[in-house]
């Protein structure tokens, strides 16, 4: 009998995720967001639901790059109606805890948010921001995880300072490629 062949290392892992959640935007006072560049207070965007998808490339088991596209539907502070806000995000994801069925990882990166339709004094614009946050995962079954994520999204405020927005998501993740634990 010959020597056993060493196991091959799989370098490629691709995570696919669909999520929904809430984008909480400060809409009052000096730290109200400047998304849409409104000139009237009534046209300041408020919180709303979001829906999106994420893809992650993990060349090593504990770190990778994720990108995300989502659509949020915030309202207006003093008017009826809904704003359509598309967001694109990229970040580094690093797993800091892997305990059986449970995991915790930290994320940080950049954002682009675009208001897709003009309404009153809120215009079609693109805002840049950064975000930091954490995600907790629970393995529901083989190759399926529930991911709960909270982010601090930092955007420009109407007073030219910074607006800290909260984004909370729940998603479902599956993995293609390397079979180590996913998020």
N, C-alpha and C. Protein backbone atom coordinates (compact mmCIF):
# COMPACT_ATOMS: atom_id res chain seq x y z
N UNK A 1 0.84 -1.18 0.00
CA UNK A 1 0.00 0.00 0.00
C UNK A 1 0.88 1.23 0.00
N UNK A 2 0.48 2.23 -0.82
CA UNK A 2 1.25 3.46 -0.90
C UNK A 2 0.82 4.44 0.19
N UNK A 3 1.56 5.50 0.28
CA UNK A 3 1.26 6.55 1.27
C UNK A 3 -0.05 7.24 0.89
N UNK A 4 -0.79 7.58 1.87
CA UNK A 4 -2.06 8.29 1.63
C UNK A 4 -1.78 9.67 1.06
N UNK A 5 -2.60 10.04 0.11
CA UNK A 5 -2.44 11.36 -0.51
C UNK A 5 -2.96 12.43 0.45
N UNK A 6 -2.19 13.50 0.67
CA UNK A 6 -2.67 14.55 1.58
C UNK A 6 -3.93 15.21 1.03
N UNK A 7 -4.81 15.66 1.90
CA UNK A 7 -6.05 16.29 1.41
C UNK A 7 -5.73 17.58 0.65
N UNK A 8 -6.51 17.82 -0.40
CA UNK A 8 -6.33 19.04 -1.18
C UNK A 8 -6.97 20.21 -0.45
N UNK A 9 -6.32 21.34 -0.53
CA UNK A 9 -6.86 22.55 0.08
C UNK A 9 -7.70 23.26 -0.97
N UNK A 10 -8.93 23.57 -0.62
CA UNK A 10 -9.79 24.34 -1.51
C UNK A 10 -9.68 25.81 -1.11
N UNK A 11 -9.28 26.64 -2.04
CA UNK A 11 -9.05 28.04 -1.74
C UNK A 11 -10.28 28.91 -1.98
N UNK A 12 -11.19 28.43 -2.75
CA UNK A 12 -12.29 29.27 -3.19
C UNK A 12 -13.57 28.99 -2.40
N UNK A 13 -14.17 30.03 -1.87
CA UNK A 13 -15.49 29.92 -1.25
C UNK A 13 -16.30 31.14 -1.66
N UNK A 14 -17.51 30.92 -2.05
CA UNK A 14 -18.41 31.99 -2.48
C UNK A 14 -19.69 31.88 -1.67
N UNK A 15 -20.02 32.94 -0.95
CA UNK A 15 -21.25 32.97 -0.17
C UNK A 15 -22.30 33.79 -0.91
N UNK A 16 -23.53 33.30 -0.94
CA UNK A 16 -24.66 34.00 -1.54
C UNK A 16 -25.68 34.25 -0.45
N UNK A 17 -26.22 35.47 -0.40
CA UNK A 17 -27.06 35.90 0.71
C UNK A 17 -28.19 36.76 0.19
N UNK A 18 -29.37 36.54 0.69
CA UNK A 18 -30.51 37.43 0.46
C UNK A 18 -30.93 37.95 1.81
N UNK A 19 -31.25 39.26 1.90
CA UNK A 19 -31.60 39.81 3.20
C UNK A 19 -32.69 40.88 3.09
N UNK A 20 -33.31 41.11 4.24
CA UNK A 20 -34.27 42.20 4.38
C UNK A 20 -34.00 42.87 5.72
N UNK A 21 -34.49 44.08 5.90
CA UNK A 21 -34.22 44.76 7.15
C UNK A 21 -34.80 46.16 7.18
N UNK A 22 -34.13 47.02 7.93
CA UNK A 22 -34.59 48.39 8.16
C UNK A 22 -33.40 49.33 8.09
N UNK A 23 -33.56 50.44 7.39
CA UNK A 23 -32.57 51.51 7.34
C UNK A 23 -33.13 52.65 8.19
N UNK A 24 -32.46 52.94 9.31
CA UNK A 24 -32.93 53.96 10.25
C UNK A 24 -32.10 55.22 10.03
N UNK A 25 -32.74 56.24 9.47
CA UNK A 25 -32.07 57.51 9.15
C UNK A 25 -32.47 58.59 10.14
N UNK A 26 -31.50 59.30 10.73
CA UNK A 26 -31.88 60.45 11.56
C UNK A 26 -32.48 61.53 10.65
N UNK A 27 -33.63 62.06 11.03
CA UNK A 27 -34.31 63.01 10.15
C UNK A 27 -34.65 64.33 10.84
N UNK A 28 -34.18 64.51 12.08
CA UNK A 28 -34.46 65.75 12.79
C UNK A 28 -33.18 66.34 13.34
N UNK A 29 -33.17 67.65 13.46
CA UNK A 29 -32.03 68.33 14.06
C UNK A 29 -30.84 68.45 13.14
N UNK A 30 -29.72 68.80 13.74
CA UNK A 30 -28.50 69.08 12.98
C UNK A 30 -27.89 67.83 12.35
N UNK A 31 -28.21 66.66 12.88
CA UNK A 31 -27.61 65.44 12.34
C UNK A 31 -28.52 64.70 11.37
N UNK A 32 -29.56 65.34 10.86
CA UNK A 32 -30.41 64.73 9.85
C UNK A 32 -29.57 64.47 8.60
N UNK A 33 -29.81 63.35 7.94
CA UNK A 33 -29.00 63.02 6.77
C UNK A 33 -29.25 63.99 5.62
N UNK A 34 -28.25 64.13 4.79
CA UNK A 34 -28.34 64.99 3.62
C UNK A 34 -28.65 64.19 2.35
N UNK A 35 -29.08 62.94 2.49
CA UNK A 35 -29.40 62.13 1.32
C UNK A 35 -30.52 62.81 0.54
N UNK A 36 -30.31 63.00 -0.74
CA UNK A 36 -31.28 63.69 -1.59
C UNK A 36 -31.08 65.19 -1.60
N UNK A 37 -30.16 65.70 -0.79
CA UNK A 37 -29.86 67.14 -0.71
C UNK A 37 -31.12 67.99 -0.61
N UNK A 38 -32.03 67.71 0.34
CA UNK A 38 -33.27 68.48 0.42
C UNK A 38 -33.01 69.91 0.89
N UNK A 39 -33.75 70.86 0.32
CA UNK A 39 -33.65 72.24 0.78
C UNK A 39 -34.79 72.60 1.72
N UNK A 40 -35.80 71.76 1.80
CA UNK A 40 -36.91 71.95 2.75
C UNK A 40 -36.86 70.81 3.77
N UNK A 41 -37.08 71.14 5.03
CA UNK A 41 -37.05 70.15 6.12
C UNK A 41 -38.04 69.02 5.86
N UNK A 42 -39.20 69.34 5.29
CA UNK A 42 -40.23 68.33 5.04
C UNK A 42 -39.76 67.25 4.08
N UNK A 43 -38.73 67.52 3.28
CA UNK A 43 -38.25 66.56 2.29
C UNK A 43 -37.07 65.72 2.78
N UNK A 44 -36.74 65.84 4.06
CA UNK A 44 -35.69 65.01 4.65
C UNK A 44 -36.17 63.56 4.70
N UNK A 45 -35.31 62.65 4.30
CA UNK A 45 -35.67 61.24 4.28
C UNK A 45 -35.69 60.66 5.69
N UNK A 46 -36.66 59.78 5.93
CA UNK A 46 -36.79 59.10 7.22
C UNK A 46 -36.49 57.62 7.05
N UNK A 47 -36.72 56.84 8.06
CA UNK A 47 -36.41 55.41 8.04
C UNK A 47 -37.35 54.64 7.12
N UNK A 48 -36.89 53.45 6.71
CA UNK A 48 -37.73 52.60 5.88
C UNK A 48 -37.15 51.21 5.71
N UNK A 49 -37.95 50.30 5.17
CA UNK A 49 -37.50 48.92 4.97
C UNK A 49 -36.50 48.81 3.82
N UNK A 50 -35.74 47.73 3.83
CA UNK A 50 -34.82 47.48 2.73
C UNK A 50 -34.81 46.00 2.37
N UNK A 51 -34.40 45.73 1.14
CA UNK A 51 -34.35 44.39 0.61
C UNK A 51 -33.14 44.32 -0.31
N UNK A 52 -32.36 43.25 -0.22
CA UNK A 52 -31.19 43.17 -1.07
C UNK A 52 -30.54 41.81 -1.12
N UNK A 53 -29.37 41.80 -1.75
CA UNK A 53 -28.59 40.59 -1.88
C UNK A 53 -27.12 40.88 -1.68
N UNK A 54 -26.39 39.86 -1.29
CA UNK A 54 -24.97 40.02 -1.01
C UNK A 54 -24.23 38.82 -1.59
N UNK A 55 -23.00 39.06 -2.03
CA UNK A 55 -22.12 38.00 -2.49
C UNK A 55 -20.77 38.21 -1.81
N UNK A 56 -20.19 37.14 -1.33
CA UNK A 56 -18.91 37.23 -0.64
C UNK A 56 -17.90 36.26 -1.21
N UNK A 57 -16.67 36.71 -1.39
CA UNK A 57 -15.58 35.88 -1.87
C UNK A 57 -14.59 35.73 -0.73
N UNK A 58 -14.33 34.48 -0.33
CA UNK A 58 -13.48 34.19 0.81
C UNK A 58 -12.29 33.32 0.39
N UNK A 59 -11.17 33.97 0.08
CA UNK A 59 -9.99 33.20 -0.34
C UNK A 59 -9.34 32.45 0.82
N UNK A 60 -9.55 32.89 2.05
CA UNK A 60 -9.05 32.20 3.23
C UNK A 60 -10.22 32.00 4.19
N UNK A 61 -10.13 31.04 5.10
CA UNK A 61 -11.30 30.71 5.94
C UNK A 61 -11.84 31.85 6.81
N UNK A 62 -11.02 32.76 7.29
CA UNK A 62 -11.52 33.74 8.26
C UNK A 62 -11.63 35.17 7.75
N UNK A 63 -11.43 35.39 6.47
CA UNK A 63 -11.55 36.76 5.95
C UNK A 63 -11.92 36.73 4.48
N UNK A 64 -12.65 37.77 4.07
CA UNK A 64 -13.05 37.87 2.68
C UNK A 64 -13.57 39.24 2.35
N UNK A 65 -14.02 39.38 1.12
CA UNK A 65 -14.57 40.63 0.61
C UNK A 65 -16.02 40.35 0.23
N UNK A 66 -16.92 41.22 0.68
CA UNK A 66 -18.33 41.08 0.33
C UNK A 66 -18.79 42.34 -0.40
N UNK A 67 -19.73 42.16 -1.32
CA UNK A 67 -20.39 43.29 -1.96
C UNK A 67 -21.89 43.07 -1.86
N UNK A 68 -22.61 44.17 -1.82
CA UNK A 68 -24.05 44.10 -1.55
C UNK A 68 -24.78 45.15 -2.37
N UNK A 69 -25.93 44.80 -2.88
CA UNK A 69 -26.84 45.73 -3.53
C UNK A 69 -28.18 45.64 -2.81
N UNK A 70 -28.78 46.79 -2.52
CA UNK A 70 -30.08 46.76 -1.86
C UNK A 70 -30.92 47.95 -2.28
N UNK A 71 -32.19 47.85 -2.01
CA UNK A 71 -33.15 48.91 -2.28
C UNK A 71 -33.87 49.22 -0.97
N UNK A 72 -33.81 50.49 -0.55
CA UNK A 72 -34.51 50.94 0.65
C UNK A 72 -35.67 51.83 0.24
N UNK A 73 -36.71 51.85 1.06
CA UNK A 73 -37.91 52.64 0.78
C UNK A 73 -38.24 53.57 1.94
N UNK A 74 -37.37 54.55 2.21
CA UNK A 74 -37.67 55.48 3.31
C UNK A 74 -38.79 56.45 2.91
N UNK A 75 -39.40 57.04 3.92
CA UNK A 75 -40.42 58.05 3.69
C UNK A 75 -39.81 59.44 3.77
N UNK A 76 -40.68 60.43 3.85
CA UNK A 76 -40.27 61.83 3.98
C UNK A 76 -40.74 62.35 5.33
N UNK A 77 -39.97 63.22 5.93
CA UNK A 77 -40.27 63.71 7.28
C UNK A 77 -41.62 64.43 7.34
N UNK A 78 -41.91 65.28 6.39
CA UNK A 78 -43.13 66.08 6.48
C UNK A 78 -44.09 65.91 5.33
N UNK A 79 -43.90 64.88 4.54
CA UNK A 79 -44.77 64.67 3.39
C UNK A 79 -45.10 63.18 3.28
N UNK A 80 -46.12 62.88 2.52
CA UNK A 80 -46.43 61.48 2.24
C UNK A 80 -45.53 60.97 1.14
N UNK A 81 -45.61 59.70 0.89
CA UNK A 81 -44.84 59.12 -0.21
C UNK A 81 -43.61 58.36 0.27
N UNK A 82 -42.97 57.74 -0.69
CA UNK A 82 -41.81 56.90 -0.42
C UNK A 82 -40.69 57.29 -1.38
N UNK A 83 -39.48 57.35 -0.87
CA UNK A 83 -38.31 57.57 -1.71
C UNK A 83 -37.71 56.22 -2.07
N UNK A 84 -37.21 56.08 -3.27
CA UNK A 84 -36.53 54.87 -3.69
C UNK A 84 -35.04 55.15 -3.58
N UNK A 85 -34.35 54.42 -2.68
CA UNK A 85 -32.92 54.63 -2.48
C UNK A 85 -32.19 53.32 -2.76
N UNK A 86 -31.32 53.33 -3.75
CA UNK A 86 -30.49 52.16 -4.05
C UNK A 86 -29.16 52.32 -3.35
N UNK A 87 -28.63 51.22 -2.85
CA UNK A 87 -27.31 51.30 -2.22
C UNK A 87 -26.42 50.18 -2.73
N UNK A 88 -25.16 50.51 -2.87
CA UNK A 88 -24.11 49.55 -3.23
C UNK A 88 -23.05 49.65 -2.15
N UNK A 89 -22.56 48.51 -1.74
CA UNK A 89 -21.64 48.47 -0.60
C UNK A 89 -20.57 47.42 -0.88
N UNK A 90 -19.36 47.70 -0.40
CA UNK A 90 -18.28 46.71 -0.41
C UNK A 90 -17.58 46.80 0.94
N UNK A 91 -17.19 45.64 1.48
CA UNK A 91 -16.49 45.66 2.75
C UNK A 91 -15.63 44.41 2.95
N UNK A 92 -14.73 44.53 3.90
CA UNK A 92 -13.93 43.41 4.36
C UNK A 92 -14.72 42.76 5.50
N UNK A 93 -14.79 41.44 5.49
CA UNK A 93 -15.47 40.69 6.55
C UNK A 93 -14.44 39.78 7.21
N UNK A 94 -14.35 39.87 8.54
CA UNK A 94 -13.39 39.04 9.28
C UNK A 94 -14.12 38.29 10.40
N UNK A 95 -14.03 36.97 10.37
CA UNK A 95 -14.66 36.13 11.39
C UNK A 95 -13.80 36.17 12.65
N UNK A 96 -14.40 36.55 13.77
CA UNK A 96 -13.66 36.64 15.04
C UNK A 96 -14.07 35.55 16.03
N UNK A 97 -15.24 34.95 15.85
CA UNK A 97 -15.69 33.85 16.71
C UNK A 97 -16.31 32.78 15.81
N UNK A 98 -15.93 31.53 16.05
CA UNK A 98 -16.53 30.40 15.37
C UNK A 98 -16.72 29.31 16.40
N UNK A 99 -17.93 29.19 16.93
CA UNK A 99 -18.20 28.27 18.02
C UNK A 99 -19.31 27.30 17.62
N UNK A 100 -18.93 26.26 16.89
CA UNK A 100 -19.94 25.28 16.48
C UNK A 100 -20.95 25.88 15.53
N UNK A 101 -22.20 25.91 15.92
CA UNK A 101 -23.28 26.44 15.07
C UNK A 101 -23.32 27.96 15.02
N UNK A 102 -22.58 28.63 15.90
CA UNK A 102 -22.67 30.09 16.03
C UNK A 102 -21.39 30.76 15.58
N UNK A 103 -21.53 31.95 15.03
CA UNK A 103 -20.36 32.71 14.60
C UNK A 103 -20.59 34.20 14.77
N UNK A 104 -19.49 34.93 14.83
CA UNK A 104 -19.53 36.39 14.93
C UNK A 104 -18.42 36.93 14.05
N UNK A 105 -18.75 37.93 13.24
CA UNK A 105 -17.70 38.56 12.45
C UNK A 105 -17.90 40.06 12.39
N UNK A 106 -16.82 40.75 12.09
CA UNK A 106 -16.80 42.21 11.98
C UNK A 106 -16.67 42.60 10.52
N UNK A 107 -17.33 43.69 10.15
CA UNK A 107 -17.26 44.19 8.77
C UNK A 107 -16.96 45.69 8.79
N UNK A 108 -16.36 46.15 7.72
CA UNK A 108 -16.10 47.58 7.55
C UNK A 108 -15.78 47.88 6.10
N UNK A 109 -16.34 48.99 5.59
CA UNK A 109 -16.10 49.33 4.19
C UNK A 109 -16.79 50.60 3.77
N UNK A 110 -17.08 50.70 2.47
CA UNK A 110 -17.66 51.92 1.91
C UNK A 110 -19.02 51.69 1.28
N UNK A 111 -19.76 52.80 1.14
CA UNK A 111 -21.14 52.76 0.63
C UNK A 111 -21.35 53.84 -0.43
N UNK A 112 -22.26 53.55 -1.34
CA UNK A 112 -22.84 54.54 -2.25
C UNK A 112 -24.35 54.41 -2.12
N UNK A 113 -25.03 55.52 -1.85
CA UNK A 113 -26.49 55.52 -1.76
C UNK A 113 -27.01 56.53 -2.78
N UNK A 114 -27.94 56.09 -3.59
CA UNK A 114 -28.49 56.97 -4.62
C UNK A 114 -29.99 57.10 -4.51
N UNK A 115 -30.48 58.33 -4.48
CA UNK A 115 -31.92 58.58 -4.52
C UNK A 115 -32.33 58.48 -5.98
N UNK A 116 -33.28 57.60 -6.28
CA UNK A 116 -33.61 57.29 -7.67
C UNK A 116 -34.67 58.20 -8.28
N UNK A 117 -35.44 58.91 -7.47
CA UNK A 117 -36.50 59.76 -8.01
C UNK A 117 -36.52 61.09 -7.27
N UNK A 118 -36.85 62.14 -8.01
CA UNK A 118 -36.94 63.48 -7.43
C UNK A 118 -38.33 63.67 -6.85
N UNK A 119 -38.41 64.36 -5.70
CA UNK A 119 -39.70 64.68 -5.11
C UNK A 119 -39.57 65.98 -4.35
N UNK A 120 -40.38 66.95 -4.69
CA UNK A 120 -40.34 68.28 -4.07
C UNK A 120 -38.89 68.80 -4.12
N UNK A 121 -38.25 69.05 -2.97
CA UNK A 121 -36.88 69.57 -3.00
C UNK A 121 -35.82 68.49 -2.80
N UNK A 122 -36.24 67.23 -2.67
CA UNK A 122 -35.29 66.13 -2.58
C UNK A 122 -34.95 65.70 -4.01
N UNK A 123 -33.67 65.67 -4.33
CA UNK A 123 -33.23 65.45 -5.71
C UNK A 123 -32.64 64.05 -5.90
N UNK A 124 -32.48 63.68 -7.16
CA UNK A 124 -31.73 62.47 -7.48
C UNK A 124 -30.25 62.77 -7.24
N UNK A 125 -29.68 62.13 -6.25
CA UNK A 125 -28.28 62.37 -5.91
C UNK A 125 -27.63 61.06 -5.49
N UNK A 126 -26.31 61.11 -5.38
CA UNK A 126 -25.55 59.98 -4.86
C UNK A 126 -24.77 60.47 -3.66
N UNK A 127 -24.85 59.71 -2.57
CA UNK A 127 -24.11 60.03 -1.35
C UNK A 127 -23.10 58.92 -1.08
N UNK A 128 -21.93 59.32 -0.62
CA UNK A 128 -20.89 58.36 -0.25
C UNK A 128 -20.84 58.26 1.26
N UNK A 129 -20.49 57.08 1.76
CA UNK A 129 -20.39 56.89 3.20
C UNK A 129 -19.46 55.74 3.53
N UNK A 130 -19.29 55.51 4.80
CA UNK A 130 -18.53 54.36 5.29
C UNK A 130 -19.40 53.64 6.32
N UNK A 131 -19.07 52.40 6.59
CA UNK A 131 -19.84 51.65 7.58
C UNK A 131 -18.93 50.70 8.35
N UNK A 132 -19.32 50.44 9.57
CA UNK A 132 -18.69 49.42 10.42
C UNK A 132 -19.82 48.68 11.12
N UNK A 133 -19.57 47.43 11.46
CA UNK A 133 -20.61 46.68 12.13
C UNK A 133 -20.20 45.26 12.44
N UNK A 134 -21.19 44.49 12.84
CA UNK A 134 -20.97 43.10 13.22
C UNK A 134 -22.16 42.27 12.76
N UNK A 135 -21.90 40.98 12.58
CA UNK A 135 -22.96 40.04 12.21
C UNK A 135 -22.84 38.79 13.07
N UNK A 136 -23.98 38.28 13.45
CA UNK A 136 -24.07 37.05 14.23
C UNK A 136 -24.73 36.02 13.33
N UNK A 137 -24.18 34.80 13.30
CA UNK A 137 -24.75 33.77 12.45
C UNK A 137 -25.12 32.53 13.25
N UNK A 138 -26.16 31.87 12.77
CA UNK A 138 -26.61 30.60 13.35
C UNK A 138 -26.75 29.62 12.20
N UNK A 139 -26.11 28.46 12.34
CA UNK A 139 -26.24 27.43 11.31
C UNK A 139 -27.59 26.74 11.47
N UNK A 140 -28.46 26.92 10.48
CA UNK A 140 -29.80 26.33 10.53
C UNK A 140 -29.78 24.88 10.07
N UNK A 141 -28.95 24.58 9.09
CA UNK A 141 -28.75 23.23 8.57
C UNK A 141 -27.50 23.25 7.72
N UNK A 142 -27.09 22.13 7.19
CA UNK A 142 -25.87 22.06 6.39
C UNK A 142 -25.96 23.06 5.24
N UNK A 143 -24.95 23.91 5.15
CA UNK A 143 -24.83 24.92 4.09
C UNK A 143 -25.96 25.96 4.08
N UNK A 144 -26.57 26.22 5.22
CA UNK A 144 -27.58 27.28 5.32
C UNK A 144 -27.44 27.95 6.68
N UNK A 145 -27.18 29.26 6.66
CA UNK A 145 -27.00 30.04 7.89
C UNK A 145 -28.00 31.18 7.91
N UNK A 146 -28.44 31.54 9.10
CA UNK A 146 -29.22 32.75 9.33
C UNK A 146 -28.23 33.80 9.81
N UNK A 147 -28.23 34.96 9.20
CA UNK A 147 -27.28 36.03 9.51
C UNK A 147 -28.04 37.25 9.97
N UNK A 148 -27.69 37.74 11.16
CA UNK A 148 -28.28 38.96 11.71
C UNK A 148 -27.16 39.99 11.79
N UNK A 149 -27.34 41.11 11.12
CA UNK A 149 -26.27 42.10 10.99
C UNK A 149 -26.75 43.48 11.41
N UNK A 150 -25.89 44.20 12.10
CA UNK A 150 -26.15 45.60 12.48
C UNK A 150 -24.96 46.44 12.03
N UNK A 151 -25.26 47.56 11.38
CA UNK A 151 -24.22 48.45 10.86
C UNK A 151 -24.45 49.88 11.31
N UNK A 152 -23.36 50.60 11.55
CA UNK A 152 -23.38 52.04 11.71
C UNK A 152 -22.92 52.61 10.38
N UNK A 153 -23.87 53.18 9.62
CA UNK A 153 -23.57 53.76 8.31
C UNK A 153 -23.39 55.26 8.53
N UNK A 154 -22.21 55.77 8.20
CA UNK A 154 -21.88 57.17 8.46
C UNK A 154 -21.95 57.94 7.15
N UNK A 155 -22.88 58.91 7.10
CA UNK A 155 -23.12 59.72 5.91
C UNK A 155 -23.00 61.20 6.28
N UNK A 156 -23.07 62.04 5.28
CA UNK A 156 -23.04 63.49 5.51
C UNK A 156 -24.37 63.95 6.09
N UNK A 157 -24.30 64.82 7.09
CA UNK A 157 -25.50 65.40 7.69
C UNK A 157 -25.82 66.73 7.03
N UNK A 158 -27.01 67.24 7.25
CA UNK A 158 -27.42 68.51 6.65
C UNK A 158 -26.61 69.68 7.17
N UNK A 159 -26.02 69.57 8.36
CA UNK A 159 -25.19 70.65 8.89
C UNK A 159 -23.73 70.51 8.46
N UNK A 160 -23.45 69.65 7.46
CA UNK A 160 -22.12 69.37 6.93
C UNK A 160 -21.28 68.55 7.90
N UNK A 161 -21.88 68.06 8.96
CA UNK A 161 -21.20 67.13 9.86
C UNK A 161 -21.49 65.71 9.42
N UNK A 162 -21.59 64.82 10.39
CA UNK A 162 -21.82 63.41 10.07
C UNK A 162 -23.12 62.92 10.68
N UNK A 163 -23.82 62.09 9.92
CA UNK A 163 -25.06 61.46 10.37
C UNK A 163 -24.78 59.97 10.56
N UNK A 164 -25.05 59.45 11.74
CA UNK A 164 -24.89 58.02 12.01
C UNK A 164 -26.24 57.35 11.80
N UNK A 165 -26.31 56.49 10.81
CA UNK A 165 -27.53 55.78 10.46
C UNK A 165 -27.37 54.32 10.89
N UNK A 166 -28.44 53.72 11.34
CA UNK A 166 -28.43 52.33 11.76
C UNK A 166 -29.07 51.49 10.68
N UNK A 167 -28.42 50.39 10.34
CA UNK A 167 -29.01 49.45 9.40
C UNK A 167 -29.01 48.07 10.05
N UNK A 168 -30.17 47.47 10.12
CA UNK A 168 -30.33 46.14 10.71
C UNK A 168 -30.86 45.21 9.63
N UNK A 169 -30.22 44.04 9.49
CA UNK A 169 -30.61 43.09 8.47
C UNK A 169 -30.73 41.69 9.05
N UNK A 170 -31.59 40.90 8.44
CA UNK A 170 -31.60 39.47 8.69
C UNK A 170 -31.56 38.82 7.31
N UNK A 171 -30.71 37.82 7.17
CA UNK A 171 -30.55 37.19 5.86
C UNK A 171 -30.32 35.70 5.97
N UNK A 172 -30.32 35.06 4.81
CA UNK A 172 -30.08 33.63 4.71
C UNK A 172 -28.92 33.43 3.75
N UNK A 173 -27.91 32.67 4.19
CA UNK A 173 -26.65 32.53 3.47
C UNK A 173 -26.41 31.08 3.10
N UNK A 174 -25.92 30.85 1.89
CA UNK A 174 -25.44 29.53 1.49
C UNK A 174 -24.05 29.70 0.91
N UNK A 175 -23.30 28.62 0.87
CA UNK A 175 -21.90 28.67 0.43
C UNK A 175 -21.67 27.72 -0.73
N UNK A 176 -20.88 28.19 -1.70
CA UNK A 176 -20.41 27.37 -2.81
C UNK A 176 -18.89 27.29 -2.69
N UNK A 177 -18.33 26.14 -3.00
CA UNK A 177 -16.87 26.00 -2.94
C UNK A 177 -16.41 25.39 -1.64
N UNK A 178 -15.37 25.94 -1.08
CA UNK A 178 -14.74 25.40 0.13
C UNK A 178 -15.79 25.17 1.22
N UNK A 179 -15.70 24.09 1.94
CA UNK A 179 -16.74 23.69 2.88
C UNK A 179 -16.40 23.93 4.34
N UNK A 180 -15.64 24.96 4.64
CA UNK A 180 -15.48 25.31 6.05
C UNK A 180 -16.75 26.02 6.49
N UNK A 181 -16.85 26.37 7.73
CA UNK A 181 -18.04 27.05 8.22
C UNK A 181 -18.21 28.39 7.54
N UNK A 182 -19.43 28.72 7.22
CA UNK A 182 -19.72 30.01 6.61
C UNK A 182 -20.11 30.98 7.72
N UNK A 183 -20.62 32.09 7.31
CA UNK A 183 -21.00 33.15 8.24
C UNK A 183 -22.34 32.80 8.77
